[in-house]
Amino acid sequence: MRLIRYAETAPGGQQTGREVIVQGRELVPMAFADLAQRTLGRASPLTLRLADAEVVESSIEGIPKGQSATWDTTVSTDLTVRHVGLVRGGWLPAGLALEAGSVIMIDRCTLTDLKGRFKPNGRGKVGRDFVDWLDDPGVKVNPVLLALEGNQREFPSRVEIQAQMEEHVAHLRQLLPKAIVIGDAPDMVEAVIAFAEQHQTASERTIQFLLAIAPLLRHQVSRDRLPWVLREIVSTALRCGLAVTDMAVICAVSAAAVNKGRNSAKRALKLTEPSYGRRDAFNAMADLRSLKHFASLLGLVPNEHPMLCTSDKDLALVWTGLNISQFEFGDGQPTVKAHPVEEFLPRDAGLIFQQLLANMPR
């Protein structure tokens, strides 16, 4: 359960002494548009929605105790939102997405920031952020994504994975002494190594696909060329052994189709790099793989609330843009269903893509 305390203020900004305390089941995750409009690292008001909320205390006339509803409120705070907590159904500021006992997965950019924030006087230099709440006794932090990615922008060996797990666990225990840091137990390390070896072939297919389609997406795709480019993306995916519904393929379609505003898919695939090479493709693959693994985890633990913490806005926009709303884990194989939002996959491109899929040989 979540508690929100609302303190009433007069038009001049002074507190009136009246307040409302609301208890609710959970904070409703925010969506693509909320994130697209936000500048990460800057303190700005947050609009929060508390589901199944009930007023447990009230001294404000017109808001009686016991009133139930979905509670919407805008919170002004000096805390910044530098790190996004990806969750089932969208995102929340990292600290607000915490659920006692649930596992928090972090990526490399978050770890780098934590090293600066939690060193002596670190927060005094960078200011307060919701991510500071990660140092909590109810938090379980797992650096598995860091070990799978390695630090050489290439597939890590067994020895490197083990060394990375041990190094990151030690760092995190030092940085977050109140939190529970997991991942260095011998059986867990072996499971991570086996998982990496099992998925390396599929990951290599994604790298080869990205290298092949990079020239198509180096420049903005015109409306006239879009159908041809999408056909090339689909045929390249099939040639590389990828399912045409693979996350990398959908991101490539989005990168080709979006021609207004921030092209988050193109940035997430690192296709803005002037000399796109294997190391760029590996980084993009590793980021997308982290989203896939996180989605699988959500299907595996439907009654828990894991979080993937990142400060990579484009990667977070991919997650919210895909709008993955259904997570299933039957017969050992994870299944997710996405319903991309219009801003991530424009309707005209979606129709062309659907027609290409319909015309594929059965």
Protein backbone atom coordinates (compact mmCIF):
# COMPACT_ATOMS: atom_id res chain seq x y z
CA MET A 1 0.00 0.00 0.00
CA ARG A 2 1.09 3.57 -0.70
CA LEU A 3 0.50 6.70 1.38
CA ILE A 4 0.39 10.24 0.00
CA ARG A 5 0.15 13.23 2.34
CA TYR A 6 -1.26 16.40 0.77
CA ALA A 7 -0.65 19.65 2.71
CA GLU A 8 -2.94 22.50 1.65
CA THR A 9 -1.34 25.82 0.74
CA ALA A 10 -2.90 29.26 0.46
CA PRO A 11 -2.71 31.27 -2.79
CA GLY A 12 0.37 33.02 -1.42
CA GLY A 13 2.16 29.74 -0.88
CA GLN A 14 1.82 29.53 2.90
CA GLN A 15 0.64 26.26 4.42
CA THR A 16 -2.84 26.41 5.97
CA GLY A 17 -2.27 23.59 8.42
CA ARG A 18 -4.97 21.46 6.80
CA GLU A 19 -4.06 18.20 5.13
CA VAL A 20 -5.28 14.97 3.58
CA ILE A 21 -3.64 11.55 3.89
CA VAL A 22 -4.55 9.08 1.15
CA GLN A 23 -3.80 5.36 1.11
CA GLY A 24 -3.86 3.45 -2.17
CA ARG A 25 -2.98 0.11 -3.70
CA GLU A 26 -0.27 1.32 -6.06
CA LEU A 27 1.02 4.22 -8.08
CA VAL A 28 -0.17 3.99 -11.67
CA PRO A 29 2.83 3.91 -14.04
CA MET A 30 3.32 6.87 -16.33
CA ALA A 31 3.37 6.55 -20.10
CA PHE A 32 5.42 7.49 -23.18
CA ALA A 33 4.17 11.09 -23.43
CA ASP A 34 4.95 11.82 -19.77
CA LEU A 35 8.56 10.71 -20.28
CA ALA A 36 9.02 12.32 -23.70
CA GLN A 37 8.15 15.73 -22.24
CA ARG A 38 10.42 15.41 -19.19
CA THR A 39 14.05 16.54 -18.99
CA LEU A 40 15.90 13.96 -16.91
CA GLY A 41 18.01 15.42 -14.13
CA ARG A 42 15.83 18.51 -13.69
CA ALA A 43 13.47 19.04 -10.77
CA SER A 44 9.94 19.64 -12.05
CA PRO A 45 6.39 18.85 -10.88
CA LEU A 46 5.21 15.23 -11.02
CA THR A 47 1.64 14.23 -11.74
CA LEU A 48 0.94 11.03 -9.82
CA ARG A 49 -2.08 8.74 -9.87
CA LEU A 50 -2.83 6.48 -6.90
CA ALA A 51 -5.10 3.54 -7.74
CA ASP A 52 -7.87 2.32 -5.40
CA ALA A 53 -7.19 5.22 -3.06
CA GLU A 54 -9.01 5.93 0.19
CA VAL A 55 -8.85 9.06 2.34
CA VAL A 56 -7.66 7.87 5.76
CA GLU A 57 -7.27 11.31 7.38
CA SER A 58 -8.65 14.69 6.32
CA SER A 59 -8.95 18.17 7.80
CA ILE A 60 -9.96 19.81 4.51
CA GLU A 61 -13.60 20.64 4.03
CA GLY A 62 -15.19 18.82 1.13
CA ILE A 63 -12.83 15.83 1.27
CA PRO A 64 -14.38 13.45 3.82
CA LYS A 65 -12.55 10.60 5.47
CA GLY A 66 -13.36 7.27 3.84
CA GLN A 67 -13.89 8.68 0.35
CA SER A 68 -12.58 6.24 -2.28
CA ALA A 69 -11.43 6.97 -5.81
CA THR A 70 -8.40 7.07 -8.06
CA TRP A 71 -6.41 9.98 -6.65
CA ASP A 72 -4.59 12.33 -9.02
CA THR A 73 -2.17 14.87 -7.60
CA THR A 74 0.64 17.09 -8.83
CA VAL A 75 3.69 17.07 -6.57
CA SER A 76 6.20 19.92 -6.48
CA THR A 77 9.58 18.73 -5.26
CA ASP A 78 13.26 19.67 -5.34
CA LEU A 79 14.11 16.02 -6.05
CA THR A 80 15.23 15.44 -9.61
CA VAL A 81 14.24 12.51 -11.82
CA ARG A 82 17.56 11.48 -13.33
CA HIS A 83 16.82 7.76 -13.31
CA VAL A 84 13.73 6.10 -14.71
CA GLY A 85 12.28 2.99 -13.10
CA LEU A 86 10.86 0.80 -15.86
CA VAL A 87 7.97 -1.24 -14.50
CA ARG A 88 5.06 -3.33 -15.69
CA GLY A 89 2.90 -0.93 -17.72
CA GLY A 90 5.26 2.02 -18.05
CA TRP A 91 7.65 3.96 -15.81
CA LEU A 92 7.99 5.86 -12.54
CA PRO A 93 10.80 7.88 -10.96
CA ALA A 94 13.23 5.21 -9.74
CA GLY A 95 12.67 5.78 -6.01
CA LEU A 96 8.89 5.83 -6.35
CA ALA A 97 8.87 2.52 -8.21
CA LEU A 98 10.31 0.61 -5.27
CA GLU A 99 8.30 -2.25 -3.80
CA ALA A 100 9.55 -3.98 -0.65
CA GLY A 101 11.24 -7.29 -1.45
CA SER A 102 11.20 -6.89 -5.23
CA VAL A 103 14.35 -7.08 -7.33
CA ILE A 104 15.90 -3.95 -8.82
CA MET A 105 17.99 -4.43 -11.95
CA ILE A 106 20.35 -1.59 -12.86
CA ASP A 107 22.25 -0.71 -16.01
CA ARG A 108 25.74 0.69 -16.42
CA CYS A 109 24.77 4.36 -16.59
CA THR A 110 22.91 4.03 -13.28
CA LEU A 111 25.89 2.35 -11.62
CA THR A 112 28.20 5.11 -12.85
CA ASP A 113 25.91 7.75 -11.38
CA LEU A 114 25.56 5.88 -8.08
CA LYS A 115 29.34 5.82 -7.72
CA GLY A 116 29.32 9.61 -7.84
CA ARG A 117 26.20 10.13 -5.72
CA PHE A 118 27.07 7.87 -2.81
CA LYS A 119 30.73 8.75 -2.36
CA PRO A 120 31.51 11.24 0.48
CA ASN A 121 29.80 14.60 -0.24
CA GLY A 122 28.61 13.23 -3.61
CA ARG A 123 24.97 14.18 -3.19
CA GLY A 124 25.95 17.65 -2.05
CA LYS A 125 27.53 18.22 -5.45
CA VAL A 126 24.85 16.71 -7.70
CA GLY A 127 21.70 17.44 -5.69
CA ARG A 128 18.97 15.14 -4.37
CA ASP A 129 17.28 12.64 -6.64
CA PHE A 130 14.62 9.97 -6.28
CA VAL A 131 17.31 7.36 -6.97
CA ASP A 132 18.76 8.12 -3.52
CA TRP A 133 15.94 6.00 -2.10
CA LEU A 134 17.58 2.86 -3.51
CA ASP A 135 19.66 2.68 -0.33
CA ASP A 136 16.84 1.07 1.63
CA PRO A 137 16.66 -2.17 3.68
CA GLY A 138 13.68 -3.36 1.63
CA VAL A 139 15.53 -3.15 -1.70
CA LYS A 140 17.17 -6.09 -3.49
CA VAL A 141 19.66 -4.98 -6.16
CA ASN A 142 20.92 -7.38 -8.84
CA PRO A 143 23.76 -6.38 -11.24
CA VAL A 144 23.15 -9.28 -13.63
CA LEU A 145 22.66 -7.01 -16.66
CA LEU A 146 26.08 -5.43 -16.08
CA ALA A 147 27.77 -8.83 -15.99
CA LEU A 148 25.99 -9.99 -19.16
CA GLU A 149 27.05 -6.85 -21.01
CA GLY A 150 30.67 -6.89 -19.85
CA ASN A 151 32.91 -3.86 -20.20
CA GLN A 152 34.57 -4.45 -23.58
CA ARG A 153 31.56 -3.89 -25.89
CA GLU A 154 31.85 -7.54 -26.88
CA PHE A 155 30.56 -10.83 -25.50
CA PRO A 156 32.27 -11.50 -22.15
CA SER A 157 33.86 -14.87 -21.41
CA ARG A 158 32.89 -17.11 -18.47
CA VAL A 159 35.78 -15.73 -16.45
CA GLU A 160 34.85 -12.15 -17.29
CA ILE A 161 31.21 -12.67 -16.31
CA GLN A 162 32.22 -14.07 -12.93
CA ALA A 163 34.70 -11.23 -12.36
CA GLN A 164 32.09 -8.63 -13.38
CA MET A 165 29.49 -10.07 -10.97
CA GLU A 166 31.94 -10.06 -8.08
CA GLU A 167 33.15 -6.54 -8.87
CA HIS A 168 29.68 -5.01 -9.22
CA VAL A 169 28.28 -6.75 -6.14
CA ALA A 170 31.20 -5.43 -4.09
CA HIS A 171 30.73 -1.90 -5.46
CA LEU A 172 27.01 -1.89 -4.80
CA ARG A 173 27.36 -3.21 -1.26
CA GLN A 174 29.74 -0.36 -0.55
CA LEU A 175 27.54 2.25 -2.23
CA LEU A 176 24.20 0.97 -0.86
CA PRO A 177 24.99 -0.49 2.57
CA LYS A 178 21.33 -0.66 3.64
CA ALA A 179 20.15 -2.48 0.51
CA ILE A 180 20.40 -6.21 -0.13
CA VAL A 181 22.74 -6.84 -3.06
CA ILE A 182 22.43 -10.27 -4.66
CA GLY A 183 24.18 -12.05 -7.49
CA ASP A 184 27.51 -13.42 -6.22
CA ALA A 185 26.30 -16.79 -4.93
CA PRO A 186 28.12 -19.55 -6.91
CA ASP A 187 24.88 -21.10 -8.20
CA MET A 188 23.59 -17.73 -9.38
CA VAL A 189 26.86 -16.93 -11.17
CA GLU A 190 26.74 -20.30 -12.92
CA ALA A 191 23.13 -19.63 -13.95
CA VAL A 192 24.12 -16.25 -15.42
CA ILE A 193 27.01 -17.84 -17.36
CA ALA A 194 24.74 -20.57 -18.71
CA PHE A 195 22.13 -17.98 -19.66
CA ALA A 196 24.73 -15.90 -21.54
CA GLU A 197 25.99 -18.93 -23.47
CA GLN A 198 22.45 -20.04 -24.30
CA HIS A 199 21.50 -16.63 -25.77
CA GLN A 200 24.76 -15.68 -27.52
CA THR A 201 23.74 -17.03 -30.93
CA ALA A 202 20.47 -15.08 -30.90
CA SER A 203 22.31 -11.97 -29.69
CA GLU A 204 24.79 -12.29 -32.55
CA ARG A 205 21.88 -12.41 -35.02
CA THR A 206 20.67 -9.08 -33.62
CA ILE A 207 24.13 -7.56 -34.05
CA GLN A 208 24.34 -8.71 -37.67
CA PHE A 209 20.85 -7.36 -38.35
CA LEU A 210 21.74 -3.93 -36.93
CA LEU A 211 24.96 -3.77 -38.94
CA ALA A 212 23.04 -4.65 -42.12
CA ILE A 213 20.24 -2.09 -41.70
CA ALA A 214 22.42 0.78 -40.42
CA PRO A 215 23.08 2.21 -43.94
CA LEU A 216 19.31 2.30 -44.58
CA LEU A 217 18.68 4.44 -41.52
CA ARG A 218 21.73 6.70 -41.51
CA HIS A 219 19.61 9.58 -42.81
CA GLN A 220 15.97 10.47 -42.30
CA VAL A 221 13.67 8.32 -44.42
CA SER A 222 11.28 10.21 -46.70
CA ARG A 223 7.61 9.22 -46.99
CA ASP A 224 8.24 8.08 -50.58
CA ARG A 225 11.08 5.74 -49.56
CA LEU A 226 9.42 4.41 -46.39
CA PRO A 227 7.66 1.37 -47.97
CA TRP A 228 10.89 0.25 -49.67
CA VAL A 229 12.96 0.75 -46.48
CA LEU A 230 10.46 -1.24 -44.40
CA ARG A 231 10.56 -4.09 -46.96
CA GLU A 232 14.35 -4.09 -46.70
CA ILE A 233 14.18 -4.17 -42.88
CA VAL A 234 11.82 -7.16 -42.96
CA SER A 235 13.85 -9.07 -45.56
CA THR A 236 17.07 -8.35 -43.66
CA ALA A 237 15.53 -9.65 -40.45
CA LEU A 238 14.52 -12.89 -42.15
CA ARG A 239 17.94 -13.23 -43.76
CA CYS A 240 19.60 -12.79 -40.33
CA GLY A 241 17.33 -15.33 -38.68
CA LEU A 242 15.31 -12.85 -36.62
CA ALA A 243 11.57 -13.00 -36.14
CA VAL A 244 9.96 -10.00 -37.83
CA THR A 245 8.26 -9.22 -34.52
CA ASP A 246 11.59 -9.12 -32.66
CA MET A 247 12.13 -5.99 -30.59
CA ALA A 248 15.13 -4.96 -32.72
CA VAL A 249 13.02 -5.17 -35.89
CA ILE A 250 10.17 -3.11 -34.42
CA CYS A 251 12.70 -0.52 -33.25
CA ALA A 252 14.19 -0.39 -36.75
CA VAL A 253 10.71 0.19 -38.20
CA SER A 254 10.17 2.99 -35.68
CA ALA A 255 13.58 4.50 -36.50
CA ALA A 256 12.59 4.62 -40.17
CA ALA A 257 9.09 5.95 -39.58
CA VAL A 258 9.47 8.71 -36.99
CA ASN A 259 10.40 11.99 -38.69
CA LYS A 260 9.17 14.51 -36.13
CA GLY A 261 10.65 15.21 -32.73
CA ARG A 262 12.98 12.86 -30.90
CA ASN A 263 13.62 9.58 -32.71
CA SER A 264 14.13 7.46 -29.59
CA ALA A 265 14.38 4.14 -31.46
CA LYS A 266 17.12 5.44 -33.74
CA ARG A 267 19.06 6.75 -30.74
CA ALA A 268 18.56 3.53 -28.77
CA LEU A 269 19.91 1.51 -31.70
CA LYS A 270 22.96 3.87 -31.72
CA LEU A 271 22.23 4.62 -35.39
CA THR A 272 23.10 8.27 -34.83
CA GLU A 273 26.78 7.27 -34.60
CA PRO A 274 28.60 8.63 -37.69
CA SER A 275 30.71 5.48 -38.26
CA TYR A 276 28.42 2.69 -37.12
CA GLY A 277 30.34 -0.45 -36.28
CA ARG A 278 30.17 -3.71 -34.35
CA ARG A 279 30.80 -2.09 -30.97
CA ASP A 280 27.84 0.25 -31.50
CA ALA A 281 25.66 -2.67 -32.61
CA PHE A 282 26.75 -4.70 -29.58
CA ASN A 283 25.81 -1.85 -27.23
CA ALA A 284 22.39 -1.52 -28.86
CA MET A 285 21.86 -5.28 -28.74
CA ALA A 286 22.81 -5.37 -25.04
CA ASP A 287 20.33 -2.59 -24.24
CA LEU A 288 17.48 -4.28 -26.09
CA ARG A 289 18.42 -7.62 -24.53
CA SER A 290 18.06 -6.03 -21.10
CA LEU A 291 14.49 -5.01 -21.97
CA LYS A 292 13.72 -8.53 -23.25
CA HIS A 293 15.11 -10.15 -20.10
CA PHE A 294 13.19 -7.69 -17.94
CA ALA A 295 9.96 -8.46 -19.81
CA SER A 296 10.61 -12.18 -19.30
CA LEU A 297 11.13 -11.57 -15.58
CA LEU A 298 7.79 -9.77 -15.37
CA GLY A 299 6.12 -12.80 -16.92
CA LEU A 300 7.94 -15.16 -14.56
CA VAL A 301 6.90 -13.30 -11.37
CA PRO A 302 3.41 -11.92 -12.13
CA ASN A 303 2.69 -11.06 -8.49
CA GLU A 304 5.94 -9.21 -7.85
CA HIS A 305 7.09 -5.73 -8.87
CA PRO A 306 10.63 -5.81 -10.33
CA MET A 307 12.14 -2.62 -11.69
CA LEU A 308 14.80 -1.87 -14.29
CA CYS A 309 16.59 1.34 -13.35
CA THR A 310 18.16 3.42 -16.14
CA SER A 311 19.06 7.00 -16.95
CA ASP A 312 19.02 6.23 -20.70
CA LYS A 313 15.94 8.19 -21.77
CA ASP A 314 15.88 6.69 -25.26
CA LEU A 315 15.92 3.14 -23.93
CA ALA A 316 13.11 4.05 -21.52
CA LEU A 317 11.14 5.58 -24.40
CA VAL A 318 11.53 2.32 -26.33
CA TRP A 319 10.00 0.45 -23.37
CA THR A 320 7.10 2.87 -23.00
CA GLY A 321 6.74 3.31 -26.78
CA LEU A 322 6.33 -0.43 -27.32
CA ASN A 323 3.65 -0.31 -24.62
CA ILE A 324 4.13 -3.92 -23.56
CA SER A 325 1.06 -4.74 -21.52
CA GLN A 326 0.83 -8.52 -21.36
CA PHE A 327 3.48 -10.80 -19.90
CA GLU A 328 3.10 -14.55 -19.92
CA PHE A 329 5.48 -17.38 -19.09
CA GLY A 330 3.98 -20.69 -20.10
CA ASP A 331 5.89 -23.85 -21.07
CA GLY A 332 9.21 -22.18 -20.26
CA GLN A 333 8.98 -19.65 -23.09
CA PRO A 334 8.24 -15.98 -22.30
CA THR A 335 5.54 -14.31 -24.37
CA VAL A 336 4.87 -10.59 -24.42
CA LYS A 337 2.38 -8.56 -26.41
CA ALA A 338 3.09 -4.98 -27.45
CA HIS A 339 0.73 -2.28 -28.61
CA PRO A 340 3.06 0.51 -29.79
CA VAL A 341 1.87 4.05 -29.22
CA GLU A 342 1.36 6.36 -32.21
CA GLU A 343 4.35 8.56 -31.34
CA PHE A 344 6.67 5.52 -31.43
CA LEU A 345 5.17 3.73 -34.43
CA PRO A 346 3.19 6.14 -36.64
CA ARG A 347 -0.01 4.71 -38.05
CA ASP A 348 1.06 4.84 -41.72
CA ALA A 349 4.22 2.86 -41.00
CA GLY A 350 2.26 0.41 -38.88
CA LEU A 351 -0.15 -0.26 -41.74
CA ILE A 352 2.71 -0.81 -44.21
CA PHE A 353 4.43 -3.15 -41.76
CA GLN A 354 1.23 -5.13 -41.16
CA GLN A 355 0.74 -5.50 -44.93
CA LEU A 356 4.30 -6.80 -45.27
CA LEU A 357 3.63 -9.38 -42.57
CA ALA A 358 0.34 -10.39 -44.21
CA ASN A 359 2.11 -10.98 -47.54
CA MET A 360 4.84 -13.14 -46.06
CA PRO A 361 4.84 -16.75 -47.25
CA ARG A 362 3.34 -19.13 -44.70
